[in-house]
């Protein structure tokens, strides 16, 4: 995700079944969605 890959591609590369699976696990672990995390960590 830090490389700017689409979330679906990052999910597949990380071994998740799909983007929704990544999003559920990410939110469970960190309390925010991957998209919110990306928005908060991206330098404009």
C-alpha atoms as a PDB file:
ATOM      1  CA  UNK A   1       0.000   0.000   0.000  1.00  0.00           C
ATOM      2  CA  UNK A   2       2.894   2.351   0.663  1.00  0.00           C
ATOM      3  CA  UNK A   3       3.984   1.963  -2.958  1.00  0.00           C
ATOM      4  CA  UNK A   4       0.628   3.327  -4.131  1.00  0.00           C
ATOM      5  CA  UNK A   5      -0.702   0.012  -5.423  1.00  0.00           C
ATOM      6  CA  UNK A   6      -4.476  -0.348  -5.648  1.00  0.00           C
ATOM      7  CA  UNK A   7      -5.900  -1.940  -2.505  1.00  0.00           C
ATOM      8  CA  UNK A   8      -7.155  -4.981  -4.438  1.00  0.00           C
ATOM      9  CA  UNK A   9      -3.646  -5.617  -5.773  1.00  0.00           C
ATOM     10  CA  UNK A  10      -2.043  -5.088  -2.361  1.00  0.00           C
ATOM     11  CA  UNK A  11      -4.559  -7.524  -0.857  1.00  0.00           C
ATOM     12  CA  UNK A  12      -3.747 -10.200  -3.429  1.00  0.00           C
ATOM     13  CA  UNK A  13       0.004  -9.740  -2.995  1.00  0.00           C
ATOM     14  CA  UNK A  14      -0.371 -10.016   0.789  1.00  0.00           C
ATOM     15  CA  UNK A  15      -2.311 -13.266   0.505  1.00  0.00           C
ATOM     16  CA  UNK A  16      -5.829 -12.057   1.284  1.00  0.00           C
ATOM     17  CA  UNK A  17      -8.792 -13.571  -0.568  1.00  0.00           C
ATOM     18  CA  UNK A  18      -9.910 -10.138  -1.789  1.00  0.00           C
ATOM     19  CA  UNK A  19      -9.939  -6.433  -0.935  1.00  0.00           C
ATOM     20  CA  UNK A  20     -12.882  -6.845   1.443  1.00  0.00           C
ATOM     21  CA  UNK A  21     -10.951  -9.457   3.438  1.00  0.00           C
ATOM     22  CA  UNK A  22      -7.963  -7.102   3.728  1.00  0.00           C
ATOM     23  CA  UNK A  23     -10.242  -4.245   4.781  1.00  0.00           C
ATOM     24  CA  UNK A  24     -11.960  -6.317   7.511  1.00  0.00           C
ATOM     25  CA  UNK A  25      -8.691  -7.554   8.992  1.00  0.00           C
ATOM     26  CA  UNK A  26      -6.991  -4.156   8.732  1.00  0.00           C
ATOM     27  CA  UNK A  27      -9.886  -2.403  10.452  1.00  0.00           C
ATOM     28  CA  UNK A  28      -9.987  -5.065  13.171  1.00  0.00           C
ATOM     29  CA  UNK A  29      -6.254  -4.645  13.809  1.00  0.00           C
ATOM     30  CA  UNK A  30      -5.892  -0.854  13.479  1.00  0.00           C
ATOM     31  CA  UNK A  31      -9.371   0.592  13.952  1.00  0.00           C
ATOM     32  CA  UNK A  32      -9.449   2.348  10.573  1.00  0.00           C
ATOM     33  CA  UNK A  33      -9.851   1.226   6.982  1.00  0.00           C
ATOM     34  CA  UNK A  34      -6.869   0.889   4.641  1.00  0.00           C
ATOM     35  CA  UNK A  35      -8.221   3.802   2.567  1.00  0.00           C
ATOM     36  CA  UNK A  36      -8.392   6.034   5.659  1.00  0.00           C
ATOM     37  CA  UNK A  37      -4.883   4.970   6.648  1.00  0.00           C
ATOM     38  CA  UNK A  38      -3.589   5.698   3.151  1.00  0.00           C
ATOM     39  CA  UNK A  39      -5.228   9.149   3.184  1.00  0.00           C
ATOM     40  CA  UNK A  40      -3.685   9.917   6.565  1.00  0.00           C
ATOM     41  CA  UNK A  41      -0.194   8.772   5.574  1.00  0.00           C
ATOM     42  CA  UNK A  42       0.012  10.142   2.024  1.00  0.00           C
ATOM     43  CA  UNK A  43       1.974  13.336   1.597  1.00  0.00           C
ATOM     44  CA  UNK A  44       0.035  15.716  -0.682  1.00  0.00           C
END
